[in-house]
Amino acid sequence: MLTFGTIRGVPARDAIAELQRPPVFTIPEVTAPDGAPVAPGLYAWWTGRGAIPSVPASPHPVEALDLLYVGIAPKTPASSAQLRSRLCRQHIGGNVASSTFRFGLASLLWETEGWTPRRSPSGKYRLVREDNQAPSAWQRHHLRVRWALFEEPWRAEAKVVRAMKPPMNREHNECHPFYETDG
């Protein structure tokens, strides 16, 4: 089982410290049967330095990584989402229409990677079937993730995002220089 911090009803600063603590896990570690926990919490997506040149750097305090995005699972008390389902099924294995993070990555990378976005009848953008696995391959090569267990992550989300300033977050991040960028 992977090691990860447990934060239960403690201040946002403790969640931030946990999200910045090594090790930062690879996609194979996260998706392994004993990887990401079936529990509520916050998570931070990190990438190798300069992997997306158009995104301003927000460096990890220890490792040679840049912060991209901070998320939570579940989003509300009524949601059944957990860290494992959010990370593995939506962000890593889903399509761009089911994950804001995955959609953001595809928006930043589709031209340089040669992916083909299409608008579905519902109006959402998706990648053509042949391209939908490409973001997952890119993620396996470039991304790392760290999580902090937190029973009610929606209570800490705003403070964590404002403090960590992840460039791909829009909510609670209006002061970030990347906020007005179209990618």
C-alpha atoms as a PDB file:
ATOM      1  CA  MET A   1       0.000   0.000   0.000  1.00  0.00           C
ATOM      2  CA  LEU A   2       1.287   3.477  -0.850  1.00  0.00           C
ATOM      3  CA  THR A   3       2.027   5.808   2.002  1.00  0.00           C
ATOM      4  CA  PHE A   4      -0.097   8.913   2.227  1.00  0.00           C
ATOM      5  CA  GLY A   5      -1.026  11.385   4.902  1.00  0.00           C
ATOM      6  CA  THR A   6      -4.255  11.322   6.815  1.00  0.00           C
ATOM      7  CA  ILE A   7      -5.796  14.696   7.534  1.00  0.00           C
ATOM      8  CA  ARG A   8      -8.997  14.629   9.564  1.00  0.00           C
ATOM      9  CA  GLY A   9     -10.556  17.980  10.389  1.00  0.00           C
ATOM     10  CA  VAL A  10      -7.225  19.826  10.531  1.00  0.00           C
ATOM     11  CA  PRO A  11      -6.344  23.198   8.996  1.00  0.00           C
ATOM     12  CA  ALA A  12      -5.799  23.682   5.266  1.00  0.00           C
ATOM     13  CA  ARG A  13      -2.091  24.354   5.910  1.00  0.00           C
ATOM     14  CA  ASP A  14      -1.699  20.705   6.963  1.00  0.00           C
ATOM     15  CA  ALA A  15      -3.364  19.542   3.750  1.00  0.00           C
ATOM     16  CA  ILE A  16      -1.005  21.794   1.756  1.00  0.00           C
ATOM     17  CA  ALA A  17       2.015  20.356   3.573  1.00  0.00           C
ATOM     18  CA  GLU A  18       0.805  16.846   2.743  1.00  0.00           C
ATOM     19  CA  LEU A  19       0.224  17.702  -0.946  1.00  0.00           C
ATOM     20  CA  GLN A  20       3.800  19.035  -1.169  1.00  0.00           C
ATOM     21  CA  ARG A  21       5.468  16.163   0.678  1.00  0.00           C
ATOM     22  CA  PRO A  22       7.483  13.544  -1.225  1.00  0.00           C
ATOM     23  CA  PRO A  23       6.989  11.042  -2.643  1.00  0.00           C
ATOM     24  CA  VAL A  24       4.858  12.263  -5.504  1.00  0.00           C
ATOM     25  CA  PHE A  25       3.361   9.164  -7.110  1.00  0.00           C
ATOM     26  CA  THR A  26       3.544   8.013 -10.733  1.00  0.00           C
ATOM     27  CA  ILE A  27       0.451   6.994 -12.696  1.00  0.00           C
ATOM     28  CA  PRO A  28       1.285   3.249 -12.433  1.00  0.00           C
ATOM     29  CA  GLU A  29       1.601   3.618  -8.643  1.00  0.00           C
ATOM     30  CA  VAL A  30      -1.740   5.480  -8.446  1.00  0.00           C
ATOM     31  CA  THR A  31      -3.642   2.983 -10.604  1.00  0.00           C
ATOM     32  CA  ALA A  32      -2.201  -0.133  -8.923  1.00  0.00           C
ATOM     33  CA  PRO A  33      -4.692  -2.125  -6.803  1.00  0.00           C
ATOM     34  CA  ASP A  34      -3.069  -0.755  -3.633  1.00  0.00           C
ATOM     35  CA  GLY A  35      -2.571   2.734  -5.106  1.00  0.00           C
ATOM     36  CA  ALA A  36      -4.933   5.679  -4.701  1.00  0.00           C
ATOM     37  CA  PRO A  37      -7.205   5.172  -1.699  1.00  0.00           C
ATOM     38  CA  VAL A  38     -10.967   4.776  -1.732  1.00  0.00           C
ATOM     39  CA  ALA A  39     -11.381   7.752   0.585  1.00  0.00           C
ATOM     40  CA  PRO A  40     -12.241  11.449   0.456  1.00  0.00           C
ATOM     41  CA  GLY A  41      -9.513  14.052   0.127  1.00  0.00           C
ATOM     42  CA  LEU A  42      -7.587  16.588  -1.875  1.00  0.00           C
ATOM     43  CA  TYR A  43      -5.042  15.871  -4.590  1.00  0.00           C
ATOM     44  CA  ALA A  44      -2.376  17.830  -6.458  1.00  0.00           C
ATOM     45  CA  TRP A  45      -1.230  17.081 -10.014  1.00  0.00           C
ATOM     46  CA  TRP A  46       2.450  17.808 -10.680  1.00  0.00           C
ATOM     47  CA  THR A  47       4.444  17.640 -13.914  1.00  0.00           C
ATOM     48  CA  GLY A  48       8.097  17.633 -14.894  1.00  0.00           C
ATOM     49  CA  ARG A  49       9.562  21.109 -15.277  1.00  0.00           C
ATOM     50  CA  GLY A  50       8.639  22.658 -18.625  1.00  0.00           C
ATOM     51  CA  ALA A  51       6.409  19.782 -19.797  1.00  0.00           C
ATOM     52  CA  ILE A  52       3.792  22.340 -20.894  1.00  0.00           C
ATOM     53  CA  PRO A  53       5.785  25.467 -21.811  1.00  0.00           C
ATOM     54  CA  SER A  54       2.702  27.728 -21.997  1.00  0.00           C
ATOM     55  CA  VAL A  55       1.843  27.093 -18.313  1.00  0.00           C
ATOM     56  CA  PRO A  56       3.642  29.254 -15.742  1.00  0.00           C
ATOM     57  CA  ALA A  57       5.774  27.349 -13.248  1.00  0.00           C
ATOM     58  CA  SER A  58       4.627  26.823  -9.682  1.00  0.00           C
ATOM     59  CA  PRO A  59       7.516  24.732  -8.329  1.00  0.00           C
ATOM     60  CA  HIS A  60       7.341  21.848  -5.866  1.00  0.00           C
ATOM     61  CA  PRO A  61       9.310  22.778  -2.727  1.00  0.00           C
ATOM     62  CA  VAL A  62      11.493  19.640  -2.873  1.00  0.00           C
ATOM     63  CA  GLU A  63      11.255  17.794  -6.184  1.00  0.00           C
ATOM     64  CA  ALA A  64      11.919  19.039  -9.759  1.00  0.00           C
ATOM     65  CA  LEU A  65       8.193  19.320 -10.471  1.00  0.00           C
ATOM     66  CA  ASP A  66       5.692  22.065 -11.227  1.00  0.00           C
ATOM     67  CA  LEU A  67       2.169  22.190  -9.828  1.00  0.00           C
ATOM     68  CA  LEU A  68      -0.646  22.075 -12.392  1.00  0.00           C
ATOM     69  CA  TYR A  69      -3.939  21.476 -10.596  1.00  0.00           C
ATOM     70  CA  VAL A  70      -5.509  20.851  -7.194  1.00  0.00           C
ATOM     71  CA  GLY A  71      -8.750  18.901  -6.945  1.00  0.00           C
ATOM     72  CA  ILE A  72     -11.050  17.315  -4.397  1.00  0.00           C
ATOM     73  CA  ALA A  73     -13.189  14.221  -4.090  1.00  0.00           C
ATOM     74  CA  PRO A  74     -16.006  14.432  -3.324  1.00  0.00           C
ATOM     75  CA  LYS A  75     -17.027  17.929  -4.371  1.00  0.00           C
ATOM     76  CA  THR A  76     -20.111  18.001  -2.113  1.00  0.00           C
ATOM     77  CA  PRO A  77     -21.509  15.937   0.763  1.00  0.00           C
ATOM     78  CA  ALA A  78     -24.046  14.379  -1.634  1.00  0.00           C
ATOM     79  CA  SER A  79     -21.375  13.044  -4.020  1.00  0.00           C
ATOM     80  CA  SER A  80     -20.077   9.474  -3.781  1.00  0.00           C
ATOM     81  CA  ALA A  81     -16.749  10.305  -5.484  1.00  0.00           C
ATOM     82  CA  GLN A  82     -13.564   9.195  -3.744  1.00  0.00           C
ATOM     83  CA  LEU A  83      -9.914   9.879  -4.540  1.00  0.00           C
ATOM     84  CA  ARG A  84      -9.508   6.569  -6.385  1.00  0.00           C
ATOM     85  CA  SER A  85     -12.549   7.039  -8.639  1.00  0.00           C
ATOM     86  CA  ARG A  86     -11.724  10.667  -9.376  1.00  0.00           C
ATOM     87  CA  LEU A  87      -8.063  10.063 -10.154  1.00  0.00           C
ATOM     88  CA  CYS A  88      -8.214   6.688 -11.909  1.00  0.00           C
ATOM     89  CA  ARG A  89     -11.548   6.697 -13.731  1.00  0.00           C
ATOM     90  CA  GLN A  90     -12.040  10.357 -14.597  1.00  0.00           C
ATOM     91  CA  HIS A  91      -8.643  12.067 -14.730  1.00  0.00           C
ATOM     92  CA  ILE A  92      -6.510   9.193 -16.013  1.00  0.00           C
ATOM     93  CA  GLY A  93      -8.913   6.813 -17.758  1.00  0.00           C
ATOM     94  CA  GLY A  94     -11.886   8.982 -18.672  1.00  0.00           C
ATOM     95  CA  ASN A  95     -12.592  11.203 -21.620  1.00  0.00           C
ATOM     96  CA  VAL A  96     -12.049  14.949 -21.780  1.00  0.00           C
ATOM     97  CA  ALA A  97     -15.762  15.614 -21.205  1.00  0.00           C
ATOM     98  CA  SER A  98     -15.741  13.868 -17.799  1.00  0.00           C
ATOM     99  CA  SER A  99     -12.770  15.645 -16.210  1.00  0.00           C
ATOM    100  CA  THR A 100     -12.039  19.372 -16.044  1.00  0.00           C
ATOM    101  CA  PHE A 101      -8.385  18.545 -15.498  1.00  0.00           C
ATOM    102  CA  ARG A 102      -8.197  16.164 -18.469  1.00  0.00           C
ATOM    103  CA  PHE A 103     -10.090  18.692 -20.624  1.00  0.00           C
ATOM    104  CA  GLY A 104      -7.612  21.403 -19.600  1.00  0.00           C
ATOM    105  CA  LEU A 105      -4.642  19.215 -20.478  1.00  0.00           C
ATOM    106  CA  ALA A 106      -6.153  18.346 -23.862  1.00  0.00           C
ATOM    107  CA  SER A 107      -6.855  22.042 -24.497  1.00  0.00           C
ATOM    108  CA  LEU A 108      -3.227  22.915 -23.816  1.00  0.00           C
ATOM    109  CA  LEU A 109      -1.737  19.987 -25.745  1.00  0.00           C
ATOM    110  CA  TRP A 110      -4.026  19.056 -28.658  1.00  0.00           C
ATOM    111  CA  GLU A 111      -2.195  21.086 -31.299  1.00  0.00           C
ATOM    112  CA  THR A 112       1.361  20.089 -30.350  1.00  0.00           C
ATOM    113  CA  GLU A 113       0.330  16.455 -29.821  1.00  0.00           C
ATOM    114  CA  GLY A 114      -1.818  16.273 -32.985  1.00  0.00           C
ATOM    115  CA  TRP A 115      -5.023  15.219 -31.215  1.00  0.00           C
ATOM    116  CA  THR A 116      -8.404  15.793 -32.902  1.00  0.00           C
ATOM    117  CA  PRO A 117     -11.125  17.378 -30.755  1.00  0.00           C
ATOM    118  CA  ARG A 118     -14.744  17.122 -31.891  1.00  0.00           C
ATOM    119  CA  ARG A 119     -17.906  18.654 -30.509  1.00  0.00           C
ATOM    120  CA  SER A 120     -20.489  16.065 -29.492  1.00  0.00           C
ATOM    121  CA  PRO A 121     -24.247  16.488 -30.090  1.00  0.00           C
ATOM    122  CA  SER A 122     -24.531  17.592 -26.442  1.00  0.00           C
ATOM    123  CA  GLY A 123     -22.092  20.446 -27.167  1.00  0.00           C
ATOM    124  CA  LYS A 124     -19.189  19.046 -25.124  1.00  0.00           C
ATOM    125  CA  TYR A 125     -15.793  18.606 -26.680  1.00  0.00           C
ATOM    126  CA  ARG A 126     -14.358  15.110 -26.888  1.00  0.00           C
ATOM    127  CA  LEU A 127     -11.356  13.579 -28.553  1.00  0.00           C
ATOM    128  CA  VAL A 128     -11.945  11.149 -31.363  1.00  0.00           C
ATOM    129  CA  ARG A 129     -11.765   7.535 -30.160  1.00  0.00           C
ATOM    130  CA  GLU A 130      -8.254   6.996 -31.556  1.00  0.00           C
ATOM    131  CA  ASP A 131      -6.943  10.057 -29.676  1.00  0.00           C
ATOM    132  CA  ASN A 132      -8.666   9.492 -26.322  1.00  0.00           C
ATOM    133  CA  GLN A 133      -5.888   7.190 -25.082  1.00  0.00           C
ATOM    134  CA  ALA A 134      -3.193   9.703 -26.054  1.00  0.00           C
ATOM    135  CA  PRO A 135      -3.718  11.994 -23.020  1.00  0.00           C
ATOM    136  CA  SER A 136      -3.422   8.944 -20.752  1.00  0.00           C
ATOM    137  CA  ALA A 137      -0.082   8.060 -22.353  1.00  0.00           C
ATOM    138  CA  TRP A 138       1.064  11.683 -21.991  1.00  0.00           C
ATOM    139  CA  GLN A 139      -0.020  11.636 -18.324  1.00  0.00           C
ATOM    140  CA  ARG A 140       1.887   8.400 -17.634  1.00  0.00           C
ATOM    141  CA  HIS A 141       5.022   9.978 -19.033  1.00  0.00           C
ATOM    142  CA  HIS A 142       4.743  13.494 -17.557  1.00  0.00           C
ATOM    143  CA  LEU A 143       2.490  13.580 -14.486  1.00  0.00           C
ATOM    144  CA  ARG A 144       2.778  12.773 -10.802  1.00  0.00           C
ATOM    145  CA  VAL A 145       0.113  13.105  -8.102  1.00  0.00           C
ATOM    146  CA  ARG A 146       0.006  13.469  -4.333  1.00  0.00           C
ATOM    147  CA  TRP A 147      -3.089  13.341  -2.114  1.00  0.00           C
ATOM    148  CA  ALA A 148      -4.157  14.147   1.415  1.00  0.00           C
ATOM    149  CA  LEU A 149      -7.059  12.337   3.035  1.00  0.00           C
ATOM    150  CA  PHE A 150      -9.581  14.846   4.295  1.00  0.00           C
ATOM    151  CA  GLU A 151     -13.093  13.947   5.405  1.00  0.00           C
ATOM    152  CA  GLU A 152     -14.765  17.088   4.040  1.00  0.00           C
ATOM    153  CA  PRO A 153     -12.393  18.386   1.345  1.00  0.00           C
ATOM    154  CA  TRP A 154     -14.854  21.019   0.085  1.00  0.00           C
ATOM    155  CA  ARG A 155     -14.263  22.867   3.377  1.00  0.00           C
ATOM    156  CA  ALA A 156     -10.544  23.299   2.608  1.00  0.00           C
ATOM    157  CA  GLU A 157     -10.549  23.584  -1.198  1.00  0.00           C
ATOM    158  CA  ALA A 158     -10.691  27.389  -1.499  1.00  0.00           C
ATOM    159  CA  LYS A 159      -7.901  27.972   1.042  1.00  0.00           C
ATOM    160  CA  VAL A 160      -5.688  25.286  -0.487  1.00  0.00           C
ATOM    161  CA  VAL A 161      -6.126  26.583  -4.054  1.00  0.00           C
ATOM    162  CA  ARG A 162      -5.542  30.212  -3.008  1.00  0.00           C
ATOM    163  CA  ALA A 163      -2.391  29.268  -1.111  1.00  0.00           C
ATOM    164  CA  MET A 164      -0.892  26.829  -3.643  1.00  0.00           C
ATOM    165  CA  LYS A 165      -1.879  28.817  -6.777  1.00  0.00           C
ATOM    166  CA  PRO A 166      -2.159  25.919  -9.247  1.00  0.00           C
ATOM    167  CA  PRO A 167      -2.215  27.463 -12.754  1.00  0.00           C
ATOM    168  CA  MET A 168      -4.913  25.177 -14.186  1.00  0.00           C
ATOM    169  CA  ASN A 169      -7.468  25.870 -11.428  1.00  0.00           C
ATOM    170  CA  ARG A 170     -10.010  28.559 -12.253  1.00  0.00           C
ATOM    171  CA  GLU A 171     -12.241  28.451  -9.183  1.00  0.00           C
ATOM    172  CA  HIS A 172     -10.735  30.262  -6.154  1.00  0.00           C
ATOM    173  CA  ASN A 173      -7.752  31.322  -8.301  1.00  0.00           C
ATOM    174  CA  GLU A 174      -8.777  34.592  -9.974  1.00  0.00           C
ATOM    175  CA  CYS A 175      -5.497  36.315  -8.986  1.00  0.00           C
ATOM    176  CA  HIS A 176      -3.289  33.781 -10.785  1.00  0.00           C
ATOM    177  CA  PRO A 177      -1.583  35.244 -13.913  1.00  0.00           C
ATOM    178  CA  PHE A 178      -2.742  32.238 -15.973  1.00  0.00           C
ATOM    179  CA  TYR A 179      -6.403  32.830 -15.056  1.00  0.00           C
ATOM    180  CA  GLU A 180      -7.183  35.000 -18.093  1.00  0.00           C
ATOM    181  CA  THR A 181      -5.174  32.835 -20.505  1.00  0.00           C
ATOM    182  CA  ASP A 182      -7.047  30.842 -23.103  1.00  0.00           C
ATOM    183  CA  GLY A 183      -4.208  28.340 -23.218  1.00  0.00           C
END
